[in-house]
All heavy atoms as atom14 arrays in JSON, in Angstrom:
{
  "sequence": "LVFGMALAGFTVNPVVTSLAVRFAGDAPTLTS",
  "atom14_mask": [
    [1, 1, 1, 1, 1, 1, 1, 1, 0, 0, 0, 0, 0, 0],
    [1, 1, 1, 1, 1, 1, 1, 0, 0, 0, 0, 0, 0, 0],
    [1, 1, 1, 1, 1, 1, 1, 1, 1, 1, 1, 0, 0, 0],
    [1, 1, 1, 1, 0, 0, 0, 0, 0, 0, 0, 0, 0, 0],
    [1, 1, 1, 1, 1, 1, 1, 1, 0, 0, 0, 0, 0, 0],
    [1, 1, 1, 1, 1, 0, 0, 0, 0, 0, 0, 0, 0, 0],
    [1, 1, 1, 1, 1, 1, 1, 1, 0, 0, 0, 0, 0, 0],
    [1, 1, 1, 1, 1, 0, 0, 0, 0, 0, 0, 0, 0, 0],
    [1, 1, 1, 1, 0, 0, 0, 0, 0, 0, 0, 0, 0, 0],
    [1, 1, 1, 1, 1, 1, 1, 1, 1, 1, 1, 0, 0, 0],
    [1, 1, 1, 1, 1, 1, 1, 0, 0, 0, 0, 0, 0, 0],
    [1, 1, 1, 1, 1, 1, 1, 0, 0, 0, 0, 0, 0, 0],
    [1, 1, 1, 1, 1, 1, 1, 1, 0, 0, 0, 0, 0, 0],
    [1, 1, 1, 1, 1, 1, 1, 0, 0, 0, 0, 0, 0, 0],
    [1, 1, 1, 1, 1, 1, 1, 0, 0, 0, 0, 0, 0, 0],
    [1, 1, 1, 1, 1, 1, 1, 0, 0, 0, 0, 0, 0, 0],
    [1, 1, 1, 1, 1, 1, 1, 0, 0, 0, 0, 0, 0, 0],
    [1, 1, 1, 1, 1, 1, 0, 0, 0, 0, 0, 0, 0, 0],
    [1, 1, 1, 1, 1, 1, 1, 1, 0, 0, 0, 0, 0, 0],
    [1, 1, 1, 1, 1, 0, 0, 0, 0, 0, 0, 0, 0, 0],
    [1, 1, 1, 1, 1, 1, 1, 0, 0, 0, 0, 0, 0, 0],
    [1, 1, 1, 1, 1, 1, 1, 1, 1, 1, 1, 0, 0, 0],
    [1, 1, 1, 1, 1, 1, 1, 1, 1, 1, 1, 0, 0, 0],
    [1, 1, 1, 1, 1, 0, 0, 0, 0, 0, 0, 0, 0, 0],
    [1, 1, 1, 1, 0, 0, 0, 0, 0, 0, 0, 0, 0, 0],
    [1, 1, 1, 1, 1, 1, 1, 1, 0, 0, 0, 0, 0, 0],
    [1, 1, 1, 1, 1, 0, 0, 0, 0, 0, 0, 0, 0, 0],
    [1, 1, 1, 1, 1, 1, 1, 0, 0, 0, 0, 0, 0, 0],
    [1, 1, 1, 1, 1, 1, 1, 0, 0, 0, 0, 0, 0, 0],
    [1, 1, 1, 1, 1, 1, 1, 1, 0, 0, 0, 0, 0, 0],
    [1, 1, 1, 1, 1, 1, 1, 0, 0, 0, 0, 0, 0, 0],
    [1, 1, 1, 1, 1, 1, 0, 0, 0, 0, 0, 0, 0, 0]
  ],
  "atom14_positions": [
    [[-67.96, 6.54, -84.57], [-66.99, 5.62, -84.0], [-65.84, 5.32, -84.97], [-64.68, 5.25, -84.56], [-67.67, 4.32, -83.58], [-68.57, 4.44, -82.35], [-69.32, 3.13, -82.11], [-67.78, 4.83, -81.13], [0.0, 0.0, 0.0], [0.0, 0.0, 0.0], [0.0, 0.0, 0.0], [0.0, 0.0, 0.0], [0.0, 0.0, 0.0], [0.0, 0.0, 0.0]],
    [[-66.15, 5.18, -86.25], [-65.09, 4.95, -87.24], [-64.2, 6.19, -87.35], [-62.97, 6.07, -87.45], [-65.7, 4.56, -88.61], [-64.66, 4.62, -89.71], [-66.31, 3.17, -88.54], [0.0, 0.0, 0.0], [0.0, 0.0, 0.0], [0.0, 0.0, 0.0], [0.0, 0.0, 0.0], [0.0, 0.0, 0.0], [0.0, 0.0, 0.0], [0.0, 0.0, 0.0]],
    [[-64.8, 7.37, -87.31], [-63.99, 8.6, -87.34], [-63.1, 8.68, -86.11], [-61.92, 9.03, -86.21], [-64.9, 9.83, -87.41], [-64.14, 11.12, -87.38], [-63.45, 11.57, -88.49], [-64.1, 11.88, -86.22], [-62.74, 12.75, -88.46], [-63.39, 13.06, -86.17], [-62.71, 13.5, -87.3], [0.0, 0.0, 0.0], [0.0, 0.0, 0.0], [0.0, 0.0, 0.0]],
    [[-63.63, 8.36, -84.94], [-62.83, 8.37, -83.72], [-61.7, 7.36, -83.76], [-60.59, 7.63, -83.31], [0.0, 0.0, 0.0], [0.0, 0.0, 0.0], [0.0, 0.0, 0.0], [0.0, 0.0, 0.0], [0.0, 0.0, 0.0], [0.0, 0.0, 0.0], [0.0, 0.0, 0.0], [0.0, 0.0, 0.0], [0.0, 0.0, 0.0], [0.0, 0.0, 0.0]],
    [[-61.98, 6.18, -84.32], [-60.94, 5.16, -84.44], [-59.83, 5.63, -85.38], [-58.64, 5.47, -85.09], [-61.55, 3.86, -84.97], [-60.56, 2.72, -85.11], [-61.29, 1.23, -85.79], [-61.72, 1.76, -87.44], [0.0, 0.0, 0.0], [0.0, 0.0, 0.0], [0.0, 0.0, 0.0], [0.0, 0.0, 0.0], [0.0, 0.0, 0.0], [0.0, 0.0, 0.0]],
    [[-60.2, 6.22, -86.5], [-59.2, 6.72, -87.45], [-58.4, 7.86, -86.84], [-57.18, 7.93, -87.01], [-59.88, 7.17, -88.74], [0.0, 0.0, 0.0], [0.0, 0.0, 0.0], [0.0, 0.0, 0.0], [0.0, 0.0, 0.0], [0.0, 0.0, 0.0], [0.0, 0.0, 0.0], [0.0, 0.0, 0.0], [0.0, 0.0, 0.0], [0.0, 0.0, 0.0]],
    [[-59.06, 8.74, -86.12], [-58.37, 9.86, -85.48], [-57.36, 9.35, -84.45], [-56.21, 9.81, -84.42], [-59.38, 10.79, -84.82], [-58.82, 12.04, -84.16], [-58.21, 12.96, -85.2], [-59.92, 12.76, -83.39], [0.0, 0.0, 0.0], [0.0, 0.0, 0.0], [0.0, 0.0, 0.0], [0.0, 0.0, 0.0], [0.0, 0.0, 0.0], [0.0, 0.0, 0.0]],
    [[-57.76, 8.39, -83.66], [-56.84, 7.83, -82.67], [-55.68, 7.1, -83.34], [-54.53, 7.21, -82.91], [-57.59, 6.87, -81.75], [0.0, 0.0, 0.0], [0.0, 0.0, 0.0], [0.0, 0.0, 0.0], [0.0, 0.0, 0.0], [0.0, 0.0, 0.0], [0.0, 0.0, 0.0], [0.0, 0.0, 0.0], [0.0, 0.0, 0.0], [0.0, 0.0, 0.0]],
    [[-55.97, 6.37, -84.4], [-54.91, 5.64, -85.1], [-53.89, 6.55, -85.75], [-52.69, 6.29, -85.71], [0.0, 0.0, 0.0], [0.0, 0.0, 0.0], [0.0, 0.0, 0.0], [0.0, 0.0, 0.0], [0.0, 0.0, 0.0], [0.0, 0.0, 0.0], [0.0, 0.0, 0.0], [0.0, 0.0, 0.0], [0.0, 0.0, 0.0], [0.0, 0.0, 0.0]],
    [[-54.34, 7.64, -86.33], [-53.41, 8.55, -87.0], [-52.66, 9.45, -86.05], [-51.61, 9.98, -86.39], [-54.14, 9.4, -88.05], [-54.46, 8.65, -89.31], [-55.76, 8.47, -89.71], [-53.45, 8.11, -90.08], [-56.05, 7.77, -90.86], [-53.72, 7.4, -91.24], [-55.04, 7.24, -91.63], [0.0, 0.0, 0.0], [0.0, 0.0, 0.0], [0.0, 0.0, 0.0]],
    [[-53.17, 9.65, -84.84], [-52.46, 10.5, -83.9], [-51.45, 9.73, -83.06], [-50.54, 10.32, -82.5], [-53.43, 11.23, -82.96], [-54.25, 10.28, -82.3], [-54.3, 12.21, -83.72], [0.0, 0.0, 0.0], [0.0, 0.0, 0.0], [0.0, 0.0, 0.0], [0.0, 0.0, 0.0], [0.0, 0.0, 0.0], [0.0, 0.0, 0.0], [0.0, 0.0, 0.0]],
    [[-51.59, 8.43, -82.99], [-50.66, 7.62, -82.19], [-49.33, 7.42, -82.93], [-48.27, 7.45, -82.32], [-51.3, 6.27, -81.81], [-50.28, 5.3, -81.26], [-52.41, 6.49, -80.81], [0.0, 0.0, 0.0], [0.0, 0.0, 0.0], [0.0, 0.0, 0.0], [0.0, 0.0, 0.0], [0.0, 0.0, 0.0], [0.0, 0.0, 0.0], [0.0, 0.0, 0.0]],
    [[-49.37, 7.25, -84.23], [-48.15, 6.95, -84.99], [-47.05, 7.99, -84.83], [-45.89, 7.62, -84.6], [-48.49, 6.75, -86.47], [-49.27, 5.49, -86.7], [-49.42, 4.67, -85.81], [-49.78, 5.33, -87.9], [0.0, 0.0, 0.0], [0.0, 0.0, 0.0], [0.0, 0.0, 0.0], [0.0, 0.0, 0.0], [0.0, 0.0, 0.0], [0.0, 0.0, 0.0]],
    [[-47.31, 9.29, -84.94], [-46.22, 10.25, -84.74], [-45.65, 10.24, -83.33], [-44.45, 10.43, -83.13], [-46.86, 11.61, -85.05], [-48.09, 11.32, -85.8], [-48.53, 9.95, -85.41], [0.0, 0.0, 0.0], [0.0, 0.0, 0.0], [0.0, 0.0, 0.0], [0.0, 0.0, 0.0], [0.0, 0.0, 0.0], [0.0, 0.0, 0.0], [0.0, 0.0, 0.0]],
    [[-46.51, 9.98, -82.35], [-46.03, 9.94, -80.96], [-45.11, 8.74, -80.77], [-44.04, 8.86, -80.16], [-47.23, 9.89, -79.99], [-46.76, 9.67, -78.56], [-48.06, 11.15, -80.1], [0.0, 0.0, 0.0], [0.0, 0.0, 0.0], [0.0, 0.0, 0.0], [0.0, 0.0, 0.0], [0.0, 0.0, 0.0], [0.0, 0.0, 0.0], [0.0, 0.0, 0.0]],
    [[-45.51, 7.59, -81.29], [-44.69, 6.39, -81.16], [-43.37, 6.57, -81.9], [-42.31, 6.2, -81.39], [-45.46, 5.15, -81.68], [-44.57, 3.93, -81.72], [-46.67, 4.89, -80.82], [0.0, 0.0, 0.0], [0.0, 0.0, 0.0], [0.0, 0.0, 0.0], [0.0, 0.0, 0.0], [0.0, 0.0, 0.0], [0.0, 0.0, 0.0], [0.0, 0.0, 0.0]],
    [[-43.41, 7.14, -83.09], [-42.19, 7.35, -83.86], [-41.25, 8.32, -83.13], [-40.04, 8.08, -83.05], [-42.51, 7.88, -85.26], [-43.35, 6.94, -85.93], [-41.26, 8.1, -86.08], [0.0, 0.0, 0.0], [0.0, 0.0, 0.0], [0.0, 0.0, 0.0], [0.0, 0.0, 0.0], [0.0, 0.0, 0.0], [0.0, 0.0, 0.0], [0.0, 0.0, 0.0]],
    [[-41.79, 9.4, -82.59], [-40.92, 10.35, -81.88], [-40.33, 9.73, -80.61], [-39.17, 10.0, -80.28], [-41.68, 11.63, -81.55], [-42.69, 11.38, -80.61], [0.0, 0.0, 0.0], [0.0, 0.0, 0.0], [0.0, 0.0, 0.0], [0.0, 0.0, 0.0], [0.0, 0.0, 0.0], [0.0, 0.0, 0.0], [0.0, 0.0, 0.0], [0.0, 0.0, 0.0]],
    [[-41.09, 8.89, -79.92], [-40.53, 8.19, -78.76], [-39.4, 7.26, -79.17], [-38.35, 7.21, -78.53], [-41.62, 7.37, -78.07], [-42.39, 8.02, -76.95], [-43.51, 7.12, -76.47], [-41.49, 8.39, -75.81], [0.0, 0.0, 0.0], [0.0, 0.0, 0.0], [0.0, 0.0, 0.0], [0.0, 0.0, 0.0], [0.0, 0.0, 0.0], [0.0, 0.0, 0.0]],
    [[-39.62, 6.53, -80.26], [-38.59, 5.61, -80.73], [-37.33, 6.35, -81.17], [-36.21, 5.95, -80.85], [-39.12, 4.76, -81.87], [0.0, 0.0, 0.0], [0.0, 0.0, 0.0], [0.0, 0.0, 0.0], [0.0, 0.0, 0.0], [0.0, 0.0, 0.0], [0.0, 0.0, 0.0], [0.0, 0.0, 0.0], [0.0, 0.0, 0.0], [0.0, 0.0, 0.0]],
    [[-37.5, 7.46, -81.87], [-36.36, 8.25, -82.34], [-35.62, 8.86, -81.15], [-34.4, 8.95, -81.14], [-36.8, 9.32, -83.35], [-35.71, 10.33, -83.63], [-37.25, 8.66, -84.65], [0.0, 0.0, 0.0], [0.0, 0.0, 0.0], [0.0, 0.0, 0.0], [0.0, 0.0, 0.0], [0.0, 0.0, 0.0], [0.0, 0.0, 0.0], [0.0, 0.0, 0.0]],
    [[-36.36, 9.25, -80.12], [-35.73, 9.83, -78.93], [-34.79, 8.83, -78.26], [-33.75, 9.2, -77.74], [-36.81, 10.28, -77.96], [-36.25, 11.02, -76.77], [-37.33, 11.62, -75.95], [-37.75, 10.64, -74.96], [-38.76, 10.81, -74.14], [-39.49, 11.9, -74.21], [-39.07, 9.9, -73.26], [0.0, 0.0, 0.0], [0.0, 0.0, 0.0], [0.0, 0.0, 0.0]],
    [[-35.14, 7.56, -78.29], [-34.32, 6.53, -77.67], [-33.37, 5.86, -78.66], [-32.68, 4.92, -78.3], [-35.21, 5.46, -77.02], [-35.93, 5.97, -75.81], [-37.24, 6.37, -75.9], [-35.28, 6.05, -74.59], [-37.91, 6.84, -74.79], [-35.94, 6.52, -73.48], [-37.26, 6.92, -73.58], [0.0, 0.0, 0.0], [0.0, 0.0, 0.0], [0.0, 0.0, 0.0]],
    [[-33.3, 6.35, -79.88], [-32.52, 5.7, -80.92], [-31.03, 5.93, -80.8], [-30.24, 5.15, -81.33], [-32.98, 6.17, -82.3], [0.0, 0.0, 0.0], [0.0, 0.0, 0.0], [0.0, 0.0, 0.0], [0.0, 0.0, 0.0], [0.0, 0.0, 0.0], [0.0, 0.0, 0.0], [0.0, 0.0, 0.0], [0.0, 0.0, 0.0], [0.0, 0.0, 0.0]],
    [[-30.63, 6.99, -80.18], [-29.2, 7.27, -80.09], [-28.67, 7.82, -81.4], [-29.14, 8.83, -81.89], [0.0, 0.0, 0.0], [0.0, 0.0, 0.0], [0.0, 0.0, 0.0], [0.0, 0.0, 0.0], [0.0, 0.0, 0.0], [0.0, 0.0, 0.0], [0.0, 0.0, 0.0], [0.0, 0.0, 0.0], [0.0, 0.0, 0.0], [0.0, 0.0, 0.0]],
    [[-27.7, 7.11, -81.98], [-27.05, 7.59, -83.2], [-27.72, 7.13, -84.49], [-27.17, 7.36, -85.57], [-25.59, 7.14, -83.21], [-24.78, 7.81, -82.12], [-25.15, 8.93, -81.73], [-23.8, 7.22, -81.66], [0.0, 0.0, 0.0], [0.0, 0.0, 0.0], [0.0, 0.0, 0.0], [0.0, 0.0, 0.0], [0.0, 0.0, 0.0], [0.0, 0.0, 0.0]],
    [[-28.86, 6.47, -84.42], [-29.51, 5.96, -85.63], [-30.97, 6.39, -85.72], [-31.87, 5.57, -85.82], [-29.41, 4.45, -85.66], [0.0, 0.0, 0.0], [0.0, 0.0, 0.0], [0.0, 0.0, 0.0], [0.0, 0.0, 0.0], [0.0, 0.0, 0.0], [0.0, 0.0, 0.0], [0.0, 0.0, 0.0], [0.0, 0.0, 0.0], [0.0, 0.0, 0.0]],
    [[-31.26, 7.69, -85.73], [-32.66, 8.11, -85.78], [-33.35, 7.79, -87.11], [-34.54, 7.48, -87.13], [-32.6, 9.61, -85.53], [-31.24, 10.02, -85.95], [-30.36, 8.83, -85.65], [0.0, 0.0, 0.0], [0.0, 0.0, 0.0], [0.0, 0.0, 0.0], [0.0, 0.0, 0.0], [0.0, 0.0, 0.0], [0.0, 0.0, 0.0], [0.0, 0.0, 0.0]],
    [[-32.61, 7.83, -88.21], [-33.22, 7.54, -89.51], [-33.61, 6.08, -89.61], [-34.71, 5.75, -90.07], [-32.24, 7.91, -90.64], [-31.81, 9.26, -90.46], [-32.89, 7.76, -92.0], [0.0, 0.0, 0.0], [0.0, 0.0, 0.0], [0.0, 0.0, 0.0], [0.0, 0.0, 0.0], [0.0, 0.0, 0.0], [0.0, 0.0, 0.0], [0.0, 0.0, 0.0]],
    [[-32.73, 5.19, -89.16], [-33.04, 3.77, -89.16], [-34.24, 3.47, -88.27], [-35.13, 2.7, -88.62], [-31.83, 2.96, -88.71], [-32.03, 1.45, -88.58], [-32.36, 0.83, -89.92], [-30.79, 0.81, -87.98], [0.0, 0.0, 0.0], [0.0, 0.0, 0.0], [0.0, 0.0, 0.0], [0.0, 0.0, 0.0], [0.0, 0.0, 0.0], [0.0, 0.0, 0.0]],
    [[-34.28, 4.1, -87.11], [-35.38, 3.88, -86.19], [-36.7, 4.36, -86.77], [-37.73, 3.69, -86.63], [-35.1, 4.61, -84.86], [-33.86, 4.14, -84.36], [-36.19, 4.36, -83.85], [0.0, 0.0, 0.0], [0.0, 0.0, 0.0], [0.0, 0.0, 0.0], [0.0, 0.0, 0.0], [0.0, 0.0, 0.0], [0.0, 0.0, 0.0], [0.0, 0.0, 0.0]],
    [[-36.69, 5.49, -87.43], [-37.91, 5.99, -88.06], [-38.4, 5.04, -89.14], [-39.6, 4.77, -89.25], [-37.65, 7.38, -88.65], [-38.8, 7.88, -89.27], [0.0, 0.0, 0.0], [0.0, 0.0, 0.0], [0.0, 0.0, 0.0], [0.0, 0.0, 0.0], [0.0, 0.0, 0.0], [0.0, 0.0, 0.0], [0.0, 0.0, 0.0], [0.0, 0.0, 0.0]]
  ]
}
């Protein structure tokens, strides 16, 4: 369960960051 929790936690961050950068417009570095 701890391994599954860590796996889920580490795989969500890149997805969230890429979604935020996609909607960032002209400021992708600031958004990241």
